[in-house]
């Protein structure tokens, strides 16, 4: 499937160095080679210029009627410029085009900027995973968007 933005594209081996730098400064560890080979993986990068280096990265897994957002990060020099929002918008466009029913993620309870961003595009908190993060024992919030697979509309979560 072709991505909507010419600045957002699928991760390629030529992006590995730039993405590894983004991951390192963001405290994330992703085996890029393994993800690129994994059939369910949807690894994307965002560039500021069509031929420029990746400045943001998103990894999701696509399984049946669900998308699980695993990792998303932007290089510190390019933060607060809408890159994460653009990647999330593309993820939701992809979900609608593929008739996905759920888009899921976990986020650290203390990551208030990320939570606000997720909520602003329609994610709702649906649960808590106590002590989820092994490095700190911090809780994770479970967030999701439920989509009508026929219309792509965001459906309200049951209370």
Protein backbone atom coordinates (compact mmCIF):
# COMPACT_ATOMS: atom_id res chain seq x y z
CA UNK A 1 0.00 0.00 0.00
CA UNK A 2 1.28 3.44 -0.89
CA UNK A 3 1.53 5.88 1.97
CA UNK A 4 -0.29 9.21 1.57
CA UNK A 5 2.58 11.58 2.28
CA UNK A 6 5.75 11.69 0.16
CA UNK A 7 7.58 12.48 3.39
CA UNK A 8 6.38 9.30 5.12
CA UNK A 9 7.62 6.02 3.73
CA UNK A 10 8.46 2.49 4.66
CA UNK A 11 11.72 1.91 6.51
CA UNK A 12 14.54 0.69 4.27
CA UNK A 13 18.06 -0.47 5.15
CA UNK A 14 19.39 2.92 4.03
CA UNK A 15 17.43 4.47 6.94
CA UNK A 16 18.99 2.24 9.62
CA UNK A 17 21.72 4.65 10.78
CA UNK A 18 19.36 7.63 11.12
CA UNK A 19 16.68 5.54 12.86
CA UNK A 20 19.21 3.94 15.21
CA UNK A 21 20.29 7.45 16.24
CA UNK A 22 16.64 8.40 16.89
CA UNK A 23 16.07 5.22 18.90
CA UNK A 24 19.27 5.66 20.94
CA UNK A 25 18.45 9.21 22.08
CA UNK A 26 14.87 8.12 22.80
CA UNK A 27 15.89 5.17 24.98
CA UNK A 28 14.34 2.62 22.62
CA UNK A 29 15.80 -0.65 21.39
CA UNK A 30 14.38 -2.02 18.14
CA UNK A 31 15.98 -4.71 15.97
CA UNK A 32 15.43 -2.94 12.67
CA UNK A 33 16.62 -5.83 10.51
CA UNK A 34 14.21 -8.23 12.23
CA UNK A 35 11.30 -5.82 11.95
CA UNK A 36 11.95 -5.18 8.28
CA UNK A 37 11.82 -8.95 7.68
CA UNK A 38 8.72 -9.53 9.84
CA UNK A 39 5.59 -9.88 7.68
CA UNK A 40 3.32 -8.24 10.26
CA UNK A 41 5.61 -5.24 10.80
CA UNK A 42 4.73 -1.79 9.51
CA UNK A 43 7.93 0.24 10.06
CA UNK A 44 7.71 3.81 8.74
CA UNK A 45 9.95 6.85 8.71
CA UNK A 46 9.24 10.53 8.26
CA UNK A 47 11.62 12.88 6.49
CA UNK A 48 11.60 16.68 6.40
CA UNK A 49 12.66 16.55 2.73
CA UNK A 50 11.94 13.76 0.24
CA UNK A 51 15.59 12.73 -0.08
CA UNK A 52 16.61 13.74 3.44
CA UNK A 53 17.36 11.51 6.41
CA UNK A 54 14.65 10.04 8.61
CA UNK A 55 13.82 12.33 11.54
CA UNK A 56 10.96 10.27 13.02
CA UNK A 57 10.12 6.57 13.22
CA UNK A 58 6.99 4.52 13.86
CA UNK A 59 6.70 0.76 14.25
CA UNK A 60 3.34 -1.01 14.29
CA UNK A 61 2.34 -4.63 13.91
CA UNK A 62 -0.64 -5.50 11.72
CA UNK A 63 -2.40 -8.67 12.82
CA UNK A 64 -5.84 -9.63 11.52
CA UNK A 65 -8.13 -6.67 12.19
CA UNK A 66 -5.79 -4.91 14.64
CA UNK A 67 -2.83 -2.55 14.51
CA UNK A 68 -0.56 -2.45 17.56
CA UNK A 69 1.60 0.69 17.81
CA UNK A 70 4.85 -0.53 19.37
CA UNK A 71 7.31 2.35 19.10
CA UNK A 72 7.32 5.92 17.90
CA UNK A 73 10.10 8.47 18.28
CA UNK A 74 11.33 11.73 16.80
CA UNK A 75 14.90 13.00 16.80
CA UNK A 76 15.22 15.66 19.56
CA UNK A 77 16.21 18.36 17.05
CA UNK A 78 12.92 17.80 15.20
CA UNK A 79 10.47 17.46 18.08
CA UNK A 80 7.41 19.70 18.55
CA UNK A 81 7.00 20.08 14.77
CA UNK A 82 4.05 17.75 14.26
CA UNK A 83 6.00 14.72 13.07
CA UNK A 84 4.48 12.28 15.57
CA UNK A 85 1.02 13.59 14.77
CA UNK A 86 1.72 13.09 11.05
CA UNK A 87 2.84 9.51 11.68
CA UNK A 88 -0.26 8.81 13.81
CA UNK A 89 -2.50 10.33 11.15
CA UNK A 90 -0.87 8.06 8.57
CA UNK A 91 -1.30 5.06 10.89
CA UNK A 92 -5.02 5.78 11.19
CA UNK A 93 -5.34 6.30 7.43
CA UNK A 94 -3.61 2.95 6.92
CA UNK A 95 -5.93 1.31 9.49
CA UNK A 96 -9.00 2.63 7.69
CA UNK A 97 -7.70 1.57 4.27
CA UNK A 98 -7.01 -1.93 5.60
CA UNK A 99 -10.40 -2.05 7.38
CA UNK A 100 -8.86 -2.51 10.81
CA UNK A 101 -11.15 -2.63 13.82
CA UNK A 102 -8.67 -1.70 16.57
CA UNK A 103 -5.56 0.43 16.91
CA UNK A 104 -3.83 -0.31 20.22
CA UNK A 105 -0.87 0.99 22.21
CA UNK A 106 0.66 1.12 25.67
CA UNK A 107 2.22 4.29 27.06
CA UNK A 108 4.01 5.14 30.30
CA UNK A 109 1.59 6.71 32.76
CA UNK A 110 4.08 9.58 33.27
CA UNK A 111 4.38 10.40 29.55
CA UNK A 112 1.80 13.17 29.63
CA UNK A 113 2.78 14.79 26.29
CA UNK A 114 2.36 11.46 24.47
CA UNK A 115 -0.94 10.75 26.22
CA UNK A 116 -2.24 14.18 25.21
CA UNK A 117 -1.19 13.57 21.61
CA UNK A 118 -2.84 10.14 21.51
CA UNK A 119 -6.05 11.52 23.00
CA UNK A 120 -6.07 14.38 20.49
CA UNK A 121 -6.25 11.92 17.57
CA UNK A 122 -8.96 9.80 19.22
CA UNK A 123 -7.27 7.25 21.48
CA UNK A 124 -9.03 6.47 24.74
CA UNK A 125 -7.56 4.89 27.86
CA UNK A 126 -9.11 1.47 28.35
CA UNK A 127 -6.95 -0.08 31.08
CA UNK A 128 -3.81 -0.04 33.18
CA UNK A 129 -0.98 -2.56 33.19
CA UNK A 130 0.52 -2.33 36.66
CA UNK A 131 4.33 -2.43 36.81
CA UNK A 132 4.52 -2.96 33.05
CA UNK A 133 7.90 -1.30 32.43
CA UNK A 134 10.70 -3.47 33.77
CA UNK A 135 13.25 -0.62 33.96
CA UNK A 136 11.22 1.42 36.47
CA UNK A 137 8.19 -0.67 37.41
CA UNK A 138 6.02 2.13 36.05
CA UNK A 139 2.45 1.42 35.01
CA UNK A 140 1.39 1.50 31.37
CA UNK A 141 -1.89 2.92 30.20
CA UNK A 142 -3.62 0.80 27.59
CA UNK A 143 -5.10 3.03 24.92
CA UNK A 144 -7.08 2.23 21.81
CA UNK A 145 -9.18 3.48 18.97
CA UNK A 146 -12.06 1.32 17.81
CA UNK A 147 -12.94 1.84 14.16
CA UNK A 148 -16.00 0.80 12.24
CA UNK A 149 -14.32 -1.37 9.57
CA UNK A 150 -16.95 -0.41 6.99
CA UNK A 151 -16.92 3.36 7.43
CA UNK A 152 -13.59 4.01 9.20
CA UNK A 153 -15.39 6.13 11.79
CA UNK A 154 -14.06 6.13 15.34
CA UNK A 155 -16.54 4.35 17.59
CA UNK A 156 -17.03 5.31 21.25
CA UNK A 157 -15.54 2.93 23.80
CA UNK A 158 -18.02 1.19 26.10
CA UNK A 159 -17.88 2.64 29.60
